[in-house]
Amino acid sequence: MTREELATASDVLESAAEETDSDDANERLDELADQLERLSTADRGPDHGRLARIQSALSEIAGGDGEDVAETLDDADDKINEYRSDLEGV
């Protein structure tokens, strides 16, 4: 089963990584994209805490080295929120 919202967020982050001028932001975004890609097809979906940590990292990147792709990072964040809206718990 593929979690489409997470797969889409991963694609968006890969795009942002290519577009950013910062090597540090590029590396971090590639890593986050890989995490989301794995989570999108894992046997068990991620919990709120795991996704919140990813979203926190996106916010940090958008406010720093990834400022040039902040709007794209917002798009990925929106996809993660869309997925989280159907999760039970917090």
PDB file of N, CA and C in Angstrom:
ATOM      1  N   MET A   1       0.841  -1.184   0.000  1.00  0.00           N
ATOM      2  CA  MET A   1       0.000   0.000   0.000  1.00  0.00           C
ATOM      3  C   MET A   1       0.889   1.251   0.000  1.00  0.00           C
ATOM      4  N   THR A   2       0.579   2.139  -0.887  1.00  0.00           N
ATOM      5  CA  THR A   2       1.329   3.392  -0.948  1.00  0.00           C
ATOM      6  C   THR A   2       0.511   4.491  -0.295  1.00  0.00           C
ATOM      7  N   ARG A   3       1.184   5.237   0.531  1.00  0.00           N
ATOM      8  CA  ARG A   3       0.561   6.412   1.151  1.00  0.00           C
ATOM      9  C   ARG A   3       0.859   7.589   0.224  1.00  0.00           C
ATOM     10  N   GLU A   4      -0.104   7.895  -0.626  1.00  0.00           N
ATOM     11  CA  GLU A   4       0.091   8.854  -1.715  1.00  0.00           C
ATOM     12  C   GLU A   4       0.562  10.226  -1.254  1.00  0.00           C
ATOM     13  N   GLU A   5      -0.004  10.724  -0.154  1.00  0.00           N
ATOM     14  CA  GLU A   5       0.369  12.054   0.322  1.00  0.00           C
ATOM     15  C   GLU A   5       1.851  12.112   0.686  1.00  0.00           C
ATOM     16  N   LEU A   6       2.345  11.039   1.316  1.00  0.00           N
ATOM     17  CA  LEU A   6       3.758  11.007   1.701  1.00  0.00           C
ATOM     18  C   LEU A   6       4.655  10.838   0.488  1.00  0.00           C
ATOM     19  N   ALA A   7       4.208  10.041  -0.481  1.00  0.00           N
ATOM     20  CA  ALA A   7       4.982   9.881  -1.716  1.00  0.00           C
ATOM     21  C   ALA A   7       5.056  11.207  -2.469  1.00  0.00           C
ATOM     22  N   THR A   8       3.961  11.939  -2.498  1.00  0.00           N
ATOM     23  CA  THR A   8       3.948  13.242  -3.156  1.00  0.00           C
ATOM     24  C   THR A   8       4.848  14.228  -2.429  1.00  0.00           C
ATOM     25  N   ALA A   9       4.783  14.225  -1.092  1.00  0.00           N
ATOM     26  CA  ALA A   9       5.651  15.106  -0.306  1.00  0.00           C
ATOM     27  C   ALA A   9       7.116  14.785  -0.582  1.00  0.00           C
ATOM     28  N   SER A  10       7.439  13.520  -0.721  1.00  0.00           N
ATOM     29  CA  SER A  10       8.803  13.113  -1.041  1.00  0.00           C
ATOM     30  C   SER A  10       9.235  13.680  -2.393  1.00  0.00           C
ATOM     31  N   ASP A  11       8.366  13.571  -3.391  1.00  0.00           N
ATOM     32  CA  ASP A  11       8.668  14.121  -4.723  1.00  0.00           C
ATOM     33  C   ASP A  11       8.876  15.629  -4.669  1.00  0.00           C
ATOM     34  N   VAL A  12       8.042  16.301  -3.898  1.00  0.00           N
ATOM     35  CA  VAL A  12       8.153  17.761  -3.759  1.00  0.00           C
ATOM     36  C   VAL A  12       9.493  18.132  -3.122  1.00  0.00           C
ATOM     37  N   LEU A  13       9.901  17.367  -2.115  1.00  0.00           N
ATOM     38  CA  LEU A  13      11.176  17.651  -1.451  1.00  0.00           C
ATOM     39  C   LEU A  13      12.364  17.376  -2.367  1.00  0.00           C
ATOM     40  N   GLU A  14      12.265  16.353  -3.200  1.00  0.00           N
ATOM     41  CA  GLU A  14      13.329  16.096  -4.171  1.00  0.00           C
ATOM     42  C   GLU A  14      13.462  17.270  -5.128  1.00  0.00           C
ATOM     43  N   SER A  15      12.336  17.804  -5.539  1.00  0.00           N
ATOM     44  CA  SER A  15      12.339  18.977  -6.416  1.00  0.00           C
ATOM     45  C   SER A  15      12.962  20.177  -5.718  1.00  0.00           C
ATOM     46  N   ALA A  16      12.586  20.385  -4.465  1.00  0.00           N
ATOM     47  CA  ALA A  16      13.132  21.508  -3.696  1.00  0.00           C
ATOM     48  C   ALA A  16      14.640  21.356  -3.521  1.00  0.00           C
ATOM     49  N   ALA A  17      15.091  20.133  -3.291  1.00  0.00           N
ATOM     50  CA  ALA A  17      16.525  19.892  -3.120  1.00  0.00           C
ATOM     51  C   ALA A  17      17.297  20.296  -4.374  1.00  0.00           C
ATOM     52  N   GLU A  18      16.723  20.023  -5.527  1.00  0.00           N
ATOM     53  CA  GLU A  18      17.370  20.383  -6.788  1.00  0.00           C
ATOM     54  C   GLU A  18      17.375  21.891  -7.012  1.00  0.00           C
ATOM     55  N   GLU A  19      16.348  22.567  -6.490  1.00  0.00           N
ATOM     56  CA  GLU A  19      16.187  24.001  -6.744  1.00  0.00           C
ATOM     57  C   GLU A  19      16.951  24.896  -5.777  1.00  0.00           C
ATOM     58  N   THR A  20      17.299  24.378  -4.606  1.00  0.00           N
ATOM     59  CA  THR A  20      17.932  25.233  -3.605  1.00  0.00           C
ATOM     60  C   THR A  20      19.373  25.564  -3.979  1.00  0.00           C
ATOM     61  N   ASP A  21      19.799  26.731  -3.530  1.00  0.00           N
ATOM     62  CA  ASP A  21      21.166  27.180  -3.771  1.00  0.00           C
ATOM     63  C   ASP A  21      22.125  26.693  -2.688  1.00  0.00           C
ATOM     64  N   SER A  22      21.595  26.137  -1.618  1.00  0.00           N
ATOM     65  CA  SER A  22      22.397  25.736  -0.469  1.00  0.00           C
ATOM     66  C   SER A  22      22.726  24.243  -0.517  1.00  0.00           C
ATOM     67  N   ASP A  23      24.006  23.923  -0.411  1.00  0.00           N
ATOM     68  CA  ASP A  23      24.416  22.523  -0.383  1.00  0.00           C
ATOM     69  C   ASP A  23      23.885  21.821   0.859  1.00  0.00           C
ATOM     70  N   ASP A  24      23.891  22.524   2.006  1.00  0.00           N
ATOM     71  CA  ASP A  24      23.393  21.947   3.240  1.00  0.00           C
ATOM     72  C   ASP A  24      21.894  21.639   3.132  1.00  0.00           C
ATOM     73  N   ALA A  25      21.133  22.599   2.633  1.00  0.00           N
ATOM     74  CA  ALA A  25      19.692  22.386   2.471  1.00  0.00           C
ATOM     75  C   ALA A  25      19.434  21.254   1.478  1.00  0.00           C
ATOM     76  N   ASN A  26      20.221  21.194   0.415  1.00  0.00           N
ATOM     77  CA  ASN A  26      20.079  20.129  -0.579  1.00  0.00           C
ATOM     78  C   ASN A  26      20.238  18.767   0.073  1.00  0.00           C
ATOM     79  N   GLU A  27      21.273  18.620   0.869  1.00  0.00           N
ATOM     80  CA  GLU A  27      21.542  17.344   1.529  1.00  0.00           C
ATOM     81  C   GLU A  27      20.434  16.966   2.505  1.00  0.00           C
ATOM     82  N   ARG A  28      20.003  17.924   3.308  1.00  0.00           N
ATOM     83  CA  ARG A  28      18.953  17.647   4.290  1.00  0.00           C
ATOM     84  C   ARG A  28      17.627  17.321   3.610  1.00  0.00           C
ATOM     85  N   LEU A  29      17.306  18.031   2.538  1.00  0.00           N
ATOM     86  CA  LEU A  29      16.052  17.774   1.832  1.00  0.00           C
ATOM     87  C   LEU A  29      16.070  16.416   1.154  1.00  0.00           C
ATOM     88  N   ASP A  30      17.212  16.038   0.591  1.00  0.00           N
ATOM     89  CA  ASP A  30      17.329  14.699  -0.001  1.00  0.00           C
ATOM     90  C   ASP A  30      17.100  13.621   1.055  1.00  0.00           C
ATOM     91  N   GLU A  31      17.660  13.833   2.237  1.00  0.00           N
ATOM     92  CA  GLU A  31      17.500  12.866   3.323  1.00  0.00           C
ATOM     93  C   GLU A  31      16.036  12.776   3.761  1.00  0.00           C
ATOM     94  N   LEU A  32      15.380  13.916   3.902  1.00  0.00           N
ATOM     95  CA  LEU A  32      13.967  13.915   4.294  1.00  0.00           C
ATOM     96  C   LEU A  32      13.089  13.297   3.210  1.00  0.00           C
ATOM     97  N   ALA A  33      13.414  13.556   1.962  1.00  0.00           N
ATOM     98  CA  ALA A  33      12.668  12.949   0.851  1.00  0.00           C
ATOM     99  C   ALA A  33      12.804  11.431   0.886  1.00  0.00           C
ATOM    100  N   ASP A  34      14.004  10.951   1.156  1.00  0.00           N
ATOM    101  CA  ASP A  34      14.222   9.504   1.256  1.00  0.00           C
ATOM    102  C   ASP A  34      13.411   8.907   2.399  1.00  0.00           C
ATOM    103  N   GLN A  35      13.390   9.590   3.538  1.00  0.00           N
ATOM    104  CA  GLN A  35      12.612   9.110   4.681  1.00  0.00           C
ATOM    105  C   GLN A  35      11.134   9.002   4.325  1.00  0.00           C
ATOM    106  N   LEU A  36      10.606  10.042   3.700  1.00  0.00           N
ATOM    107  CA  LEU A  36       9.190  10.030   3.335  1.00  0.00           C
ATOM    108  C   LEU A  36       8.884   8.968   2.298  1.00  0.00           C
ATOM    109  N   GLU A  37       9.794   8.745   1.385  1.00  0.00           N
ATOM    110  CA  GLU A  37       9.592   7.702   0.377  1.00  0.00           C
ATOM    111  C   GLU A  37       9.512   6.333   1.043  1.00  0.00           C
ATOM    112  N   ARG A  38      10.425   6.071   1.980  1.00  0.00           N
ATOM    113  CA  ARG A  38      10.388   4.788   2.699  1.00  0.00           C
ATOM    114  C   ARG A  38       9.101   4.664   3.518  1.00  0.00           C
ATOM    115  N   LEU A  39       8.708   5.742   4.180  1.00  0.00           N
ATOM    116  CA  LEU A  39       7.489   5.717   4.988  1.00  0.00           C
ATOM    117  C   LEU A  39       6.237   5.525   4.138  1.00  0.00           C
ATOM    118  N   SER A  40       6.291   5.988   2.905  1.00  0.00           N
ATOM    119  CA  SER A  40       5.111   5.898   2.045  1.00  0.00           C
ATOM    120  C   SER A  40       4.800   4.459   1.634  1.00  0.00           C
ATOM    121  N   THR A  41       5.792   3.585   1.696  1.00  0.00           N
ATOM    122  CA  THR A  41       5.575   2.196   1.276  1.00  0.00           C
ATOM    123  C   THR A  41       5.841   1.180   2.386  1.00  0.00           C
ATOM    124  N   ALA A  42       6.152   1.640   3.576  1.00  0.00           N
ATOM    125  CA  ALA A  42       6.439   0.729   4.691  1.00  0.00           C
ATOM    126  C   ALA A  42       5.203  -0.085   5.052  1.00  0.00           C
ATOM    127  N   ASP A  43       5.441  -1.237   5.657  1.00  0.00           N
ATOM    128  CA  ASP A  43       4.327  -2.086   6.083  1.00  0.00           C
ATOM    129  C   ASP A  43       3.416  -1.363   7.062  1.00  0.00           C
ATOM    130  N   ARG A  44       4.033  -0.560   7.894  1.00  0.00           N
ATOM    131  CA  ARG A  44       3.277   0.181   8.908  1.00  0.00           C
ATOM    132  C   ARG A  44       3.530   1.675   8.708  1.00  0.00           C
ATOM    133  N   GLY A  45       2.476   2.449   8.740  1.00  0.00           N
ATOM    134  CA  GLY A  45       2.604   3.889   8.532  1.00  0.00           C
ATOM    135  C   GLY A  45       3.229   4.595   9.718  1.00  0.00           C
ATOM    136  N   PRO A  46       3.768   5.772   9.487  1.00  0.00           N
ATOM    137  CA  PRO A  46       4.394   6.540  10.556  1.00  0.00           C
ATOM    138  C   PRO A  46       3.357   7.109  11.515  1.00  0.00           C
ATOM    139  N   ASP A  47       3.814   7.405  12.723  1.00  0.00           N
ATOM    140  CA  ASP A  47       2.926   8.018  13.702  1.00  0.00           C
ATOM    141  C   ASP A  47       3.078   9.538  13.653  1.00  0.00           C
ATOM    142  N   HIS A  48       2.259  10.214  14.430  1.00  0.00           N
ATOM    143  CA  HIS A  48       2.281  11.678  14.450  1.00  0.00           C
ATOM    144  C   HIS A  48       3.651  12.228  14.841  1.00  0.00           C
ATOM    145  N   GLY A  49       4.287  11.589  15.810  1.00  0.00           N
ATOM    146  CA  GLY A  49       5.577  12.081  16.286  1.00  0.00           C
ATOM    147  C   GLY A  49       6.645  12.078  15.203  1.00  0.00           C
ATOM    148  N   ARG A  50       6.710  11.007  14.455  1.00  0.00           N
ATOM    149  CA  ARG A  50       7.709  10.908  13.378  1.00  0.00           C
ATOM    150  C   ARG A  50       7.468  11.984  12.328  1.00  0.00           C
ATOM    151  N   LEU A  51       6.225  12.158  11.949  1.00  0.00           N
ATOM    152  CA  LEU A  51       5.893  13.167  10.946  1.00  0.00           C
ATOM    153  C   LEU A  51       6.119  14.578  11.477  1.00  0.00           C
ATOM    154  N   ALA A  52       5.840  14.792  12.757  1.00  0.00           N
ATOM    155  CA  ALA A  52       6.069  16.111  13.355  1.00  0.00           C
ATOM    156  C   ALA A  52       7.553  16.463  13.339  1.00  0.00           C
ATOM    157  N   ARG A  53       8.421  15.480  13.555  1.00  0.00           N
ATOM    158  CA  ARG A  53       9.865  15.742  13.506  1.00  0.00           C
ATOM    159  C   ARG A  53      10.301  16.122  12.094  1.00  0.00           C
ATOM    160  N   ILE A  54       9.731  15.459  11.110  1.00  0.00           N
ATOM    161  CA  ILE A  54      10.045  15.793   9.724  1.00  0.00           C
ATOM    162  C   ILE A  54       9.562  17.207   9.411  1.00  0.00           C
ATOM    163  N   GLN A  55       8.353  17.533   9.847  1.00  0.00           N
ATOM    164  CA  GLN A  55       7.813  18.867   9.598  1.00  0.00           C
ATOM    165  C   GLN A  55       8.618  19.940  10.322  1.00  0.00           C
ATOM    166  N   SER A  56       9.099  19.626  11.496  1.00  0.00           N
ATOM    167  CA  SER A  56       9.943  20.571  12.228  1.00  0.00           C
ATOM    168  C   SER A  56      11.241  20.829  11.461  1.00  0.00           C
ATOM    169  N   ALA A  57      11.816  19.792  10.907  1.00  0.00           N
ATOM    170  CA  ALA A  57      13.034  19.947  10.106  1.00  0.00           C
ATOM    171  C   ALA A  57      12.764  20.799   8.870  1.00  0.00           C
ATOM    172  N   LEU A  58      11.608  20.599   8.241  1.00  0.00           N
ATOM    173  CA  LEU A  58      11.255  21.402   7.070  1.00  0.00           C
ATOM    174  C   LEU A  58      11.137  22.874   7.441  1.00  0.00           C
ATOM    175  N   SER A  59      10.514  23.140   8.568  1.00  0.00           N
ATOM    176  CA  SER A  59      10.356  24.519   9.028  1.00  0.00           C
ATOM    177  C   SER A  59      11.713  25.161   9.292  1.00  0.00           C
ATOM    178  N   GLU A  60      12.602  24.403   9.905  1.00  0.00           N
ATOM    179  CA  GLU A  60      13.943  24.893  10.191  1.00  0.00           C
ATOM    180  C   GLU A  60      14.706  25.200   8.897  1.00  0.00           C
ATOM    181  N   ILE A  61      14.601  24.310   7.940  1.00  0.00           N
ATOM    182  CA  ILE A  61      15.281  24.511   6.655  1.00  0.00           C
ATOM    183  C   ILE A  61      14.711  25.728   5.936  1.00  0.00           C
ATOM    184  N   ALA A  62      13.384  25.851   5.942  1.00  0.00           N
ATOM    185  CA  ALA A  62      12.729  26.968   5.251  1.00  0.00           C
ATOM    186  C   ALA A  62      13.125  28.310   5.848  1.00  0.00           C
ATOM    187  N   GLY A  63      13.394  28.331   7.139  1.00  0.00           N
ATOM    188  CA  GLY A  63      13.773  29.567   7.803  1.00  0.00           C
ATOM    189  C   GLY A  63      15.250  29.867   7.730  1.00  0.00           C
ATOM    190  N   GLY A  64      16.016  28.944   7.173  1.00  0.00           N
ATOM    191  CA  GLY A  64      17.468  29.121   7.102  1.00  0.00           C
ATOM    192  C   GLY A  64      17.991  28.935   5.694  1.00  0.00           C
ATOM    193  N   ASP A  65      18.757  27.869   5.519  1.00  0.00           N
ATOM    194  CA  ASP A  65      19.433  27.619   4.241  1.00  0.00           C
ATOM    195  C   ASP A  65      18.480  27.374   3.076  1.00  0.00           C
ATOM    196  N   GLY A  66      17.271  26.951   3.355  1.00  0.00           N
ATOM    197  CA  GLY A  66      16.322  26.642   2.291  1.00  0.00           C
ATOM    198  C   GLY A  66      15.319  27.745   2.031  1.00  0.00           C
ATOM    199  N   GLU A  67      15.644  28.942   2.470  1.00  0.00           N
ATOM    200  CA  GLU A  67      14.722  30.072   2.329  1.00  0.00           C
ATOM    201  C   GLU A  67      14.284  30.270   0.873  1.00  0.00           C
ATOM    202  N   ASP A  68      15.174  29.955  -0.072  1.00  0.00           N
ATOM    203  CA  ASP A  68      14.877  30.151  -1.486  1.00  0.00           C
ATOM    204  C   ASP A  68      13.809  29.192  -2.010  1.00  0.00           C
ATOM    205  N   VAL A  69      13.523  28.106  -1.272  1.00  0.00           N
ATOM    206  CA  VAL A  69      12.511  27.141  -1.700  1.00  0.00           C
ATOM    207  C   VAL A  69      11.412  26.982  -0.644  1.00  0.00           C
ATOM    208  N   ALA A  70      11.239  27.991   0.181  1.00  0.00           N
ATOM    209  CA  ALA A  70      10.288  27.915   1.294  1.00  0.00           C
ATOM    210  C   ALA A  70       8.866  27.598   0.830  1.00  0.00           C
ATOM    211  N   GLU A  71       8.438  28.163  -0.283  1.00  0.00           N
ATOM    212  CA  GLU A  71       7.083  27.889  -0.771  1.00  0.00           C
ATOM    213  C   GLU A  71       6.916  26.426  -1.156  1.00  0.00           C
ATOM    214  N   THR A  72       7.934  25.858  -1.753  1.00  0.00           N
ATOM    215  CA  THR A  72       7.894  24.446  -2.125  1.00  0.00           C
ATOM    216  C   THR A  72       7.845  23.577  -0.874  1.00  0.00           C
ATOM    217  N   LEU A  73       8.590  23.979   0.150  1.00  0.00           N
ATOM    218  CA  LEU A  73       8.568  23.231   1.410  1.00  0.00           C
ATOM    219  C   LEU A  73       7.202  23.316   2.067  1.00  0.00           C
ATOM    220  N   ASP A  74       6.534  24.441   1.912  1.00  0.00           N
ATOM    221  CA  ASP A  74       5.157  24.572   2.422  1.00  0.00           C
ATOM    222  C   ASP A  74       4.228  23.580   1.728  1.00  0.00           C
ATOM    223  N   ASP A  75       4.445  23.361   0.434  1.00  0.00           N
ATOM    224  CA  ASP A  75       3.627  22.393  -0.309  1.00  0.00           C
ATOM    225  C   ASP A  75       3.815  20.982   0.249  1.00  0.00           C
ATOM    226  N   ALA A  76       5.067  20.626   0.527  1.00  0.00           N
ATOM    227  CA  ALA A  76       5.344  19.309   1.105  1.00  0.00           C
ATOM    228  C   ALA A  76       4.709  19.199   2.495  1.00  0.00           C
ATOM    229  N   ASP A  77       4.819  20.257   3.282  1.00  0.00           N
ATOM    230  CA  ASP A  77       4.225  20.282   4.615  1.00  0.00           C
ATOM    231  C   ASP A  77       2.711  20.091   4.529  1.00  0.00           C
ATOM    232  N   ASP A  78       2.089  20.719   3.553  1.00  0.00           N
ATOM    233  CA  ASP A  78       0.640  20.571   3.369  1.00  0.00           C
ATOM    234  C   ASP A  78       0.265  19.116   3.076  1.00  0.00           C
ATOM    235  N   LYS A  79       1.070  18.434   2.274  1.00  0.00           N
ATOM    236  CA  LYS A  79       0.799  17.026   1.954  1.00  0.00           C
ATOM    237  C   LYS A  79       0.931  16.150   3.201  1.00  0.00           C
ATOM    238  N   ILE A  80       1.930  16.442   4.010  1.00  0.00           N
ATOM    239  CA  ILE A  80       2.098  15.689   5.250  1.00  0.00           C
ATOM    240  C   ILE A  80       0.905  15.934   6.175  1.00  0.00           C
ATOM    241  N   ASN A  81       0.465  17.190   6.278  1.00  0.00           N
ATOM    242  CA  ASN A  81      -0.721  17.507   7.094  1.00  0.00           C
ATOM    243  C   ASN A  81      -1.956  16.788   6.570  1.00  0.00           C
ATOM    244  N   GLU A  82      -2.067  16.695   5.263  1.00  0.00           N
ATOM    245  CA  GLU A  82      -3.203  15.992   4.659  1.00  0.00           C
ATOM    246  C   GLU A  82      -3.200  14.521   5.097  1.00  0.00           C
ATOM    247  N   TYR A  83      -2.039  13.904   5.074  1.00  0.00           N
ATOM    248  CA  TYR A  83      -1.930  12.522   5.530  1.00  0.00           C
ATOM    249  C   TYR A  83      -2.250  12.419   7.021  1.00  0.00           C
ATOM    250  N   ARG A  84      -1.699  13.332   7.804  1.00  0.00           N
ATOM    251  CA  ARG A  84      -1.895  13.280   9.255  1.00  0.00           C
ATOM    252  C   ARG A  84      -3.347  13.485   9.652  1.00  0.00           C
ATOM    253  N   SER A  85      -4.129  14.164   8.829  1.00  0.00           N
ATOM    254  CA  SER A  85      -5.526  14.435   9.174  1.00  0.00           C
ATOM    255  C   SER A  85      -6.344  13.145   9.304  1.00  0.00           C
ATOM    256  N   ASP A  86      -5.886  12.064   8.686  1.00  0.00           N
ATOM    257  CA  ASP A  86      -6.597  10.792   8.764  1.00  0.00           C
ATOM    258  C   ASP A  86      -6.009   9.841   9.794  1.00  0.00           C
ATOM    259  N   LEU A  87      -4.909  10.253  10.446  1.00  0.00           N
ATOM    260  CA  LEU A  87      -4.283   9.397  11.462  1.00  0.00           C
ATOM    261  C   LEU A  87      -5.023   9.504  12.778  1.00  0.00           C
ATOM    262  N   GLU A  88      -5.129   8.377  13.456  1.00  0.00           N
ATOM    263  CA  GLU A  88      -5.707   8.392  14.785  1.00  0.00           C
ATOM    264  C   GLU A  88      -4.664   8.911  15.764  1.00  0.00           C
ATOM    265  N   GLY A  89      -5.111   9.381  16.888  1.00  0.00           N
ATOM    266  CA  GLY A  89      -4.201   9.864  17.920  1.00  0.00           C
ATOM    267  C   GLY A  89      -4.236  11.349  18.036  1.00  0.00           C
ATOM    268  N   VAL A  90      -3.129  11.895  18.440  1.00  0.00           N
ATOM    269  CA  VAL A  90      -2.988  13.315  18.742  1.00  0.00           C
ATOM    270  C   VAL A  90      -3.616  14.199  17.731  1.00  0.00           C
TER     271      VAL A  90
END
